[in-house]
Amino acid sequence: MNLNTHVKIILIETTSPANIGSTLRAMKTMSFGDLILVNPKNFPDKEVSTLAANAKDLIDKIKVVKNLDEALDGIDFVVATSSRQRKVPWPCEDLHIASPKIVKFAEEKSIGLLFGREDRGLTNEELQKSNLHIQIPANENYSVLNLAMSVQVVCYQLYLDNHLNKPFIKSDIWDVPKAKSLHVQRLINHFIEVAEQLEVYNKGNPRQIGARIKRMFTRIGLDEMEVNFLRGFLAEIEKRLS
């Protein structure tokens, strides 16, 4: 299976063009070719070409978007890299545990791999748009990796597991396509809007109910039919409220 056609690397608000070039080099080494830049600070820039070395051919394929939602359009399953656990825990696995699952998902789904800013990673809101968080096991006293290094490690593990040729498990086959990430995000927003109309949800709730609602829907693994049913159900509630 060619991961290149199913997996997209997404860098958010990258500051250094050198990191973009180094990321392209890391990607090509591991047979990846699709890079999406979300609101990069310095692009295009000649330093990208310099650091890309023999991966310069990937520069013309780079897609630049304004925000994360635009980057996730058409993505079925979103994996976010995170160096630390957040206040509201999210499904999180070490890279070597998650990698075989991601490779299997990529047989039928489009995968988005999110990497955050050089100085502060991904925001909580961005992390909550993912289905799964992955961490790279490292020295507890110094676990910080350069952005391009992180991309290299993740791509290497996926490349390795992709070439193990593990048999496909029939129990993983689903009768309806899994819902795209953007569709699930729209369902989450719709659910919260209706909850607010019913006055059962308060944005200022100190127990972070909103984050837990987002976690619930992204953890479930909804398919398109389930999302459509729930959106219709919420729309009917809104009609009766009005």
C-alpha atoms as a PDB file:
ATOM      1  CA  MET A   1       0.000   0.000   0.000  1.00  0.00           C
ATOM      2  CA  ASN A   2       1.348   3.395  -0.984  1.00  0.00           C
ATOM      3  CA  LEU A   3       1.154   5.684   2.054  1.00  0.00           C
ATOM      4  CA  ASN A   4       2.022   8.628  -0.175  1.00  0.00           C
ATOM      5  CA  THR A   5      -1.487   8.687  -1.641  1.00  0.00           C
ATOM      6  CA  HIS A   6      -3.319   8.406   1.670  1.00  0.00           C
ATOM      7  CA  VAL A   7      -1.300  10.322   4.274  1.00  0.00           C
ATOM      8  CA  LYS A   8      -0.846  14.091   4.397  1.00  0.00           C
ATOM      9  CA  ILE A   9       1.644  15.860   6.650  1.00  0.00           C
ATOM     10  CA  ILE A  10       0.168  19.077   8.083  1.00  0.00           C
ATOM     11  CA  LEU A  11       2.389  21.766   9.625  1.00  0.00           C
ATOM     12  CA  ILE A  12       0.646  24.564  11.529  1.00  0.00           C
ATOM     13  CA  GLU A  13       1.983  28.132  11.497  1.00  0.00           C
ATOM     14  CA  THR A  14       5.585  27.105  10.876  1.00  0.00           C
ATOM     15  CA  THR A  15       7.986  29.951  11.607  1.00  0.00           C
ATOM     16  CA  SER A  16      11.239  28.704  10.083  1.00  0.00           C
ATOM     17  CA  PRO A  17      11.385  28.004   6.328  1.00  0.00           C
ATOM     18  CA  ALA A  18      14.354  25.761   7.109  1.00  0.00           C
ATOM     19  CA  ASN A  19      12.004  23.437   8.970  1.00  0.00           C
ATOM     20  CA  ILE A  20       9.737  23.264   5.932  1.00  0.00           C
ATOM     21  CA  GLY A  21      12.648  22.282   3.708  1.00  0.00           C
ATOM     22  CA  SER A  22      13.956  19.746   6.214  1.00  0.00           C
ATOM     23  CA  THR A  23      10.454  18.300   6.562  1.00  0.00           C
ATOM     24  CA  LEU A  24      10.256  17.753   2.801  1.00  0.00           C
ATOM     25  CA  ARG A  25      13.576  15.937   2.905  1.00  0.00           C
ATOM     26  CA  ALA A  26      12.401  13.761   5.791  1.00  0.00           C
ATOM     27  CA  MET A  27       9.150  12.988   3.987  1.00  0.00           C
ATOM     28  CA  LYS A  28      10.735  11.989   0.693  1.00  0.00           C
ATOM     29  CA  THR A  29      13.206   9.691   2.460  1.00  0.00           C
ATOM     30  CA  MET A  30      10.236   7.757   3.830  1.00  0.00           C
ATOM     31  CA  SER A  31       8.169   7.871   0.594  1.00  0.00           C
ATOM     32  CA  PHE A  32       5.739  10.605   1.630  1.00  0.00           C
ATOM     33  CA  GLY A  33       4.922  13.451  -0.734  1.00  0.00           C
ATOM     34  CA  ASP A  34       1.918  15.497   0.402  1.00  0.00           C
ATOM     35  CA  LEU A  35       2.592  18.498   2.648  1.00  0.00           C
ATOM     36  CA  ILE A  36      -0.010  21.032   3.782  1.00  0.00           C
ATOM     37  CA  LEU A  37       1.081  24.301   5.384  1.00  0.00           C
ATOM     38  CA  VAL A  38      -1.429  26.096   7.598  1.00  0.00           C
ATOM     39  CA  ASN A  39      -0.740  29.836   7.661  1.00  0.00           C
ATOM     40  CA  PRO A  40       3.081  29.573   7.449  1.00  0.00           C
ATOM     41  CA  LYS A  41       4.995  32.624   8.684  1.00  0.00           C
ATOM     42  CA  ASN A  42       7.682  32.589   5.966  1.00  0.00           C
ATOM     43  CA  PHE A  43       6.755  30.827   2.739  1.00  0.00           C
ATOM     44  CA  PRO A  44       7.798  30.807  -0.021  1.00  0.00           C
ATOM     45  CA  ASP A  45      11.437  31.299   0.898  1.00  0.00           C
ATOM     46  CA  LYS A  46      14.720  30.272  -0.752  1.00  0.00           C
ATOM     47  CA  GLU A  47      15.757  28.508   2.466  1.00  0.00           C
ATOM     48  CA  VAL A  48      13.043  25.924   1.852  1.00  0.00           C
ATOM     49  CA  SER A  49      14.750  24.877  -1.367  1.00  0.00           C
ATOM     50  CA  THR A  50      18.187  24.890   0.253  1.00  0.00           C
ATOM     51  CA  LEU A  51      17.191  22.594   3.123  1.00  0.00           C
ATOM     52  CA  ALA A  52      14.996  20.358   0.966  1.00  0.00           C
ATOM     53  CA  ALA A  53      18.126  19.185  -0.919  1.00  0.00           C
ATOM     54  CA  ASN A  54      17.039  16.440  -3.342  1.00  0.00           C
ATOM     55  CA  ALA A  55      13.420  16.752  -2.265  1.00  0.00           C
ATOM     56  CA  LYS A  56      12.981  20.057  -4.143  1.00  0.00           C
ATOM     57  CA  ASP A  57      10.474  18.381  -6.453  1.00  0.00           C
ATOM     58  CA  LEU A  58       7.985  18.264  -3.560  1.00  0.00           C
ATOM     59  CA  ILE A  59       7.943  22.057  -3.161  1.00  0.00           C
ATOM     60  CA  ASP A  60       5.558  22.575  -6.085  1.00  0.00           C
ATOM     61  CA  LYS A  61       3.146  20.050  -4.530  1.00  0.00           C
ATOM     62  CA  ILE A  62       2.845  21.955  -1.231  1.00  0.00           C
ATOM     63  CA  LYS A  63      -0.685  23.115  -0.442  1.00  0.00           C
ATOM     64  CA  VAL A  64      -0.980  26.332   1.579  1.00  0.00           C
ATOM     65  CA  VAL A  65      -4.217  27.031   3.485  1.00  0.00           C
ATOM     66  CA  LYS A  66      -5.415  29.728   5.881  1.00  0.00           C
ATOM     67  CA  ASN A  67      -6.729  27.572   8.719  1.00  0.00           C
ATOM     68  CA  LEU A  68      -6.828  24.030  10.071  1.00  0.00           C
ATOM     69  CA  ASP A  69     -10.423  23.347   9.017  1.00  0.00           C
ATOM     70  CA  GLU A  70      -9.429  24.006   5.419  1.00  0.00           C
ATOM     71  CA  ALA A  71      -6.463  21.646   5.800  1.00  0.00           C
ATOM     72  CA  LEU A  72      -8.700  18.890   7.180  1.00  0.00           C
ATOM     73  CA  ASP A  73     -11.247  19.114   4.368  1.00  0.00           C
ATOM     74  CA  GLY A  74     -11.385  15.634   2.837  1.00  0.00           C
ATOM     75  CA  ILE A  75      -9.430  14.013   5.690  1.00  0.00           C
ATOM     76  CA  ASP A  76     -11.079  10.961   7.259  1.00  0.00           C
ATOM     77  CA  PHE A  77      -8.876  10.390  10.314  1.00  0.00           C
ATOM     78  CA  VAL A  78      -6.756  12.981  12.118  1.00  0.00           C
ATOM     79  CA  VAL A  79      -3.675  12.145  14.183  1.00  0.00           C
ATOM     80  CA  ALA A  80      -2.093  14.899  16.280  1.00  0.00           C
ATOM     81  CA  THR A  81       1.402  14.856  17.728  1.00  0.00           C
ATOM     82  CA  SER A  82       1.581  15.969  21.339  1.00  0.00           C
ATOM     83  CA  SER A  83       4.522  16.057  23.728  1.00  0.00           C
ATOM     84  CA  ARG A  84       2.379  16.209  26.844  1.00  0.00           C
ATOM     85  CA  GLN A  85      -0.982  15.082  28.207  1.00  0.00           C
ATOM     86  CA  ARG A  86      -3.642  17.778  28.574  1.00  0.00           C
ATOM     87  CA  LYS A  87      -6.054  18.582  31.414  1.00  0.00           C
ATOM     88  CA  VAL A  88      -8.838  16.708  29.641  1.00  0.00           C
ATOM     89  CA  PRO A  89      -7.220  13.404  28.571  1.00  0.00           C
ATOM     90  CA  TRP A  90      -7.627  12.399  24.916  1.00  0.00           C
ATOM     91  CA  PRO A  91      -7.051   8.984  23.343  1.00  0.00           C
ATOM     92  CA  CYS A  92      -3.241   8.973  23.274  1.00  0.00           C
ATOM     93  CA  GLU A  93      -0.753   6.275  22.319  1.00  0.00           C
ATOM     94  CA  ASP A  94       2.983   5.970  21.888  1.00  0.00           C
ATOM     95  CA  LEU A  95       4.017   6.141  18.247  1.00  0.00           C
ATOM     96  CA  HIS A  96       5.084   2.506  17.943  1.00  0.00           C
ATOM     97  CA  ILE A  97       1.683   1.368  19.281  1.00  0.00           C
ATOM     98  CA  ALA A  98      -0.405   3.670  17.097  1.00  0.00           C
ATOM     99  CA  SER A  99       1.603   3.324  13.886  1.00  0.00           C
ATOM    100  CA  PRO A 100       0.319  -0.124  12.756  1.00  0.00           C
ATOM    101  CA  LYS A 101      -3.259   1.070  13.287  1.00  0.00           C
ATOM    102  CA  ILE A 102      -2.650   4.225  11.273  1.00  0.00           C
ATOM    103  CA  VAL A 103      -1.148   2.171   8.444  1.00  0.00           C
ATOM    104  CA  LYS A 104      -4.210  -0.077   8.469  1.00  0.00           C
ATOM    105  CA  PHE A 105      -6.593   2.885   8.479  1.00  0.00           C
ATOM    106  CA  ALA A 106      -4.691   4.330   5.500  1.00  0.00           C
ATOM    107  CA  GLU A 107      -5.684   1.347   3.380  1.00  0.00           C
ATOM    108  CA  GLU A 108      -9.142   2.881   2.995  1.00  0.00           C
ATOM    109  CA  LYS A 109      -9.031   6.302   4.680  1.00  0.00           C
ATOM    110  CA  SER A 110      -7.194   9.572   4.145  1.00  0.00           C
ATOM    111  CA  ILE A 111      -5.008  10.393   7.141  1.00  0.00           C
ATOM    112  CA  GLY A 112      -3.882  13.799   8.348  1.00  0.00           C
ATOM    113  CA  LEU A 113      -0.800  13.990  10.599  1.00  0.00           C
ATOM    114  CA  LEU A 114      -0.743  17.264  12.563  1.00  0.00           C
ATOM    115  CA  PHE A 115       2.485  18.891  13.744  1.00  0.00           C
ATOM    116  CA  GLY A 116       2.391  22.111  15.760  1.00  0.00           C
ATOM    117  CA  ARG A 117       4.433  25.270  16.000  1.00  0.00           C
ATOM    118  CA  GLU A 118       8.139  25.139  16.783  1.00  0.00           C
ATOM    119  CA  ASP A 119       7.769  27.070  20.044  1.00  0.00           C
ATOM    120  CA  ARG A 120       4.483  25.823  21.509  1.00  0.00           C
ATOM    121  CA  GLY A 121       3.120  22.927  19.499  1.00  0.00           C
ATOM    122  CA  LEU A 122      -0.621  22.552  18.968  1.00  0.00           C
ATOM    123  CA  THR A 123      -3.312  24.454  20.856  1.00  0.00           C
ATOM    124  CA  ASN A 124      -5.967  22.582  22.841  1.00  0.00           C
ATOM    125  CA  GLU A 125      -8.563  23.568  20.241  1.00  0.00           C
ATOM    126  CA  GLU A 126      -6.427  22.127  17.440  1.00  0.00           C
ATOM    127  CA  LEU A 127      -5.764  18.938  19.382  1.00  0.00           C
ATOM    128  CA  GLN A 128      -9.500  18.519  19.929  1.00  0.00           C
ATOM    129  CA  LYS A 129     -10.017  18.277  16.168  1.00  0.00           C
ATOM    130  CA  SER A 130      -8.044  15.030  16.114  1.00  0.00           C
ATOM    131  CA  ASN A 131      -9.183  11.437  16.592  1.00  0.00           C
ATOM    132  CA  LEU A 132      -5.966  10.320  18.217  1.00  0.00           C
ATOM    133  CA  HIS A 133      -2.913  11.851  19.892  1.00  0.00           C
ATOM    134  CA  ILE A 134       0.471  10.215  19.491  1.00  0.00           C
ATOM    135  CA  GLN A 135       3.660  10.750  21.472  1.00  0.00           C
ATOM    136  CA  ILE A 136       7.242   9.898  20.613  1.00  0.00           C
ATOM    137  CA  PRO A 137       8.833   8.165  23.635  1.00  0.00           C
ATOM    138  CA  ALA A 138      11.880  10.166  24.688  1.00  0.00           C
ATOM    139  CA  ASN A 139      14.033  11.224  27.626  1.00  0.00           C
ATOM    140  CA  GLU A 140      11.703  12.405  30.399  1.00  0.00           C
ATOM    141  CA  ASN A 141      14.154  15.146  31.328  1.00  0.00           C
ATOM    142  CA  TYR A 142      14.392  16.458  27.771  1.00  0.00           C
ATOM    143  CA  SER A 143      11.750  15.189  25.380  1.00  0.00           C
ATOM    144  CA  VAL A 144      11.775  18.113  22.920  1.00  0.00           C
ATOM    145  CA  LEU A 145      12.358  17.289  19.251  1.00  0.00           C
ATOM    146  CA  ASN A 146      12.936  19.691  16.386  1.00  0.00           C
ATOM    147  CA  LEU A 147       9.873  19.910  14.113  1.00  0.00           C
ATOM    148  CA  ALA A 148      11.523  18.232  11.124  1.00  0.00           C
ATOM    149  CA  MET A 149      13.009  15.561  13.419  1.00  0.00           C
ATOM    150  CA  SER A 150       9.531  14.775  14.715  1.00  0.00           C
ATOM    151  CA  VAL A 151       8.241  14.404  11.160  1.00  0.00           C
ATOM    152  CA  GLN A 152      11.187  12.140  10.338  1.00  0.00           C
ATOM    153  CA  VAL A 153      10.576   9.844  13.314  1.00  0.00           C
ATOM    154  CA  VAL A 154       6.834   9.552  12.696  1.00  0.00           C
ATOM    155  CA  CYS A 155       7.267   8.941   8.959  1.00  0.00           C
ATOM    156  CA  TYR A 156       9.983   6.369   9.604  1.00  0.00           C
ATOM    157  CA  GLN A 157       7.763   4.368  11.971  1.00  0.00           C
ATOM    158  CA  LEU A 158       4.869   4.438   9.493  1.00  0.00           C
ATOM    159  CA  TYR A 159       7.177   3.445   6.644  1.00  0.00           C
ATOM    160  CA  LEU A 160       8.534   0.559   8.711  1.00  0.00           C
ATOM    161  CA  ASP A 161       5.110  -0.765   9.695  1.00  0.00           C
ATOM    162  CA  ASN A 162       3.815  -0.360   6.149  1.00  0.00           C
ATOM    163  CA  HIS A 163       6.470  -2.770   4.932  1.00  0.00           C
ATOM    164  CA  LEU A 164       5.737  -5.477   7.480  1.00  0.00           C
ATOM    165  CA  ASN A 165       2.824  -6.629   5.272  1.00  0.00           C
ATOM    166  CA  LYS A 166       0.544  -7.543   8.144  1.00  0.00           C
ATOM    167  CA  PRO A 167      -2.687  -9.276   7.042  1.00  0.00           C
ATOM    168  CA  PHE A 168      -5.824  -7.195   6.795  1.00  0.00           C
ATOM    169  CA  ILE A 169      -8.315  -7.993   9.594  1.00  0.00           C
ATOM    170  CA  LYS A 170     -11.811  -8.493   8.174  1.00  0.00           C
ATOM    171  CA  SER A 171     -13.452  -7.392  11.416  1.00  0.00           C
ATOM    172  CA  ASP A 172     -12.188  -3.870  10.638  1.00  0.00           C
ATOM    173  CA  ILE A 173     -14.400  -3.662   7.531  1.00  0.00           C
ATOM    174  CA  TRP A 174     -17.352  -1.299   8.003  1.00  0.00           C
ATOM    175  CA  ASP A 175     -20.598  -1.246   6.017  1.00  0.00           C
ATOM    176  CA  VAL A 176     -20.651   2.564   5.679  1.00  0.00           C
ATOM    177  CA  PRO A 177     -17.669   4.889   5.083  1.00  0.00           C
ATOM    178  CA  LYS A 178     -16.285   6.454   8.244  1.00  0.00           C
ATOM    179  CA  ALA A 179     -17.238  10.101   8.665  1.00  0.00           C
ATOM    180  CA  LYS A 180     -14.772  12.699   7.465  1.00  0.00           C
ATOM    181  CA  SER A 181     -13.175  14.821  10.156  1.00  0.00           C
ATOM    182  CA  LEU A 182     -14.840  18.033   8.952  1.00  0.00           C
ATOM    183  CA  HIS A 183     -18.292  16.403   9.071  1.00  0.00           C
ATOM    184  CA  VAL A 184     -17.696  15.299  12.664  1.00  0.00           C
ATOM    185  CA  GLN A 185     -16.548  18.810  13.595  1.00  0.00           C
ATOM    186  CA  ARG A 186     -19.755  20.250  12.141  1.00  0.00           C
ATOM    187  CA  LEU A 187     -21.791  17.728  14.135  1.00  0.00           C
ATOM    188  CA  ILE A 188     -19.944  18.725  17.325  1.00  0.00           C
ATOM    189  CA  ASN A 189     -20.657  22.413  16.724  1.00  0.00           C
ATOM    190  CA  HIS A 190     -24.307  21.641  15.965  1.00  0.00           C
ATOM    191  CA  PHE A 191     -24.635  19.549  19.128  1.00  0.00           C
ATOM    192  CA  ILE A 192     -23.159  22.325  21.290  1.00  0.00           C
ATOM    193  CA  GLU A 193     -25.441  24.933  19.674  1.00  0.00           C
ATOM    194  CA  VAL A 194     -28.536  22.841  20.447  1.00  0.00           C
ATOM    195  CA  ALA A 195     -27.315  22.154  23.984  1.00  0.00           C
ATOM    196  CA  GLU A 196     -26.984  25.893  24.513  1.00  0.00           C
ATOM    197  CA  GLN A 197     -30.516  26.469  23.218  1.00  0.00           C
ATOM    198  CA  LEU A 198     -31.764  23.856  25.672  1.00  0.00           C
ATOM    199  CA  GLU A 199     -29.762  25.616  28.394  1.00  0.00           C
ATOM    200  CA  VAL A 200     -28.053  22.395  29.427  1.00  0.00           C
ATOM    201  CA  TYR A 201     -24.592  23.572  28.461  1.00  0.00           C
ATOM    202  CA  ASN A 202     -22.606  26.506  29.753  1.00  0.00           C
ATOM    203  CA  LYS A 203     -19.447  27.657  27.953  1.00  0.00           C
ATOM    204  CA  GLY A 204     -17.999  28.811  31.236  1.00  0.00           C
ATOM    205  CA  ASN A 205     -18.423  25.443  32.918  1.00  0.00           C
ATOM    206  CA  PRO A 206     -15.248  24.863  34.958  1.00  0.00           C
ATOM    207  CA  ARG A 207     -15.353  21.118  34.270  1.00  0.00           C
ATOM    208  CA  GLN A 208     -14.657  21.756  30.577  1.00  0.00           C
ATOM    209  CA  ILE A 209     -17.810  20.105  29.287  1.00  0.00           C
ATOM    210  CA  GLY A 210     -17.205  21.449  25.793  1.00  0.00           C
ATOM    211  CA  ALA A 211     -13.853  19.673  25.517  1.00  0.00           C
ATOM    212  CA  ARG A 212     -15.383  16.449  26.774  1.00  0.00           C
ATOM    213  CA  ILE A 213     -18.196  16.656  24.210  1.00  0.00           C
ATOM    214  CA  LYS A 214     -15.595  17.047  21.453  1.00  0.00           C
ATOM    215  CA  ARG A 215     -13.595  14.147  22.845  1.00  0.00           C
ATOM    216  CA  MET A 216     -16.672  11.912  22.960  1.00  0.00           C
ATOM    217  CA  PHE A 217     -17.602  12.398  19.311  1.00  0.00           C
ATOM    218  CA  THR A 218     -14.037  12.085  17.968  1.00  0.00           C
ATOM    219  CA  ARG A 219     -13.400   8.983  20.082  1.00  0.00           C
ATOM    220  CA  ILE A 220     -16.510   7.114  18.948  1.00  0.00           C
ATOM    221  CA  GLY A 221     -15.451   6.745  15.302  1.00  0.00           C
ATOM    222  CA  LEU A 222     -18.747   7.727  13.695  1.00  0.00           C
ATOM    223  CA  ASP A 223     -19.606   6.769  10.130  1.00  0.00           C
ATOM    224  CA  GLU A 224     -21.298   9.066   7.602  1.00  0.00           C
ATOM    225  CA  MET A 225     -24.769   7.581   8.152  1.00  0.00           C
ATOM    226  CA  GLU A 226     -24.506   8.078  11.913  1.00  0.00           C
ATOM    227  CA  VAL A 227     -23.396  11.680  11.476  1.00  0.00           C
ATOM    228  CA  ASN A 228     -26.263  12.390   9.080  1.00  0.00           C
ATOM    229  CA  PHE A 229     -28.780  10.821  11.468  1.00  0.00           C
ATOM    230  CA  LEU A 230     -27.522  12.864  14.417  1.00  0.00           C
ATOM    231  CA  ARG A 231     -27.503  16.090  12.391  1.00  0.00           C
ATOM    232  CA  GLY A 232     -31.113  15.381  11.365  1.00  0.00           C
ATOM    233  CA  PHE A 233     -32.052  14.596  14.962  1.00  0.00           C
ATOM    234  CA  LEU A 234     -30.560  17.898  16.158  1.00  0.00           C
ATOM    235  CA  ALA A 235     -32.283  19.804  13.353  1.00  0.00           C
ATOM    236  CA  GLU A 236     -35.640  18.346  14.434  1.00  0.00           C
ATOM    237  CA  ILE A 237     -35.001  19.469  18.017  1.00  0.00           C
ATOM    238  CA  GLU A 238     -34.294  22.986  16.754  1.00  0.00           C
ATOM    239  CA  LYS A 239     -37.560  23.011  14.804  1.00  0.00           C
ATOM    240  CA  ARG A 240     -39.540  22.084  17.894  1.00  0.00           C
ATOM    241  CA  LEU A 241     -37.735  24.659  20.010  1.00  0.00           C
ATOM    242  CA  SER A 242     -38.757  27.374  17.565  1.00  0.00           C
END
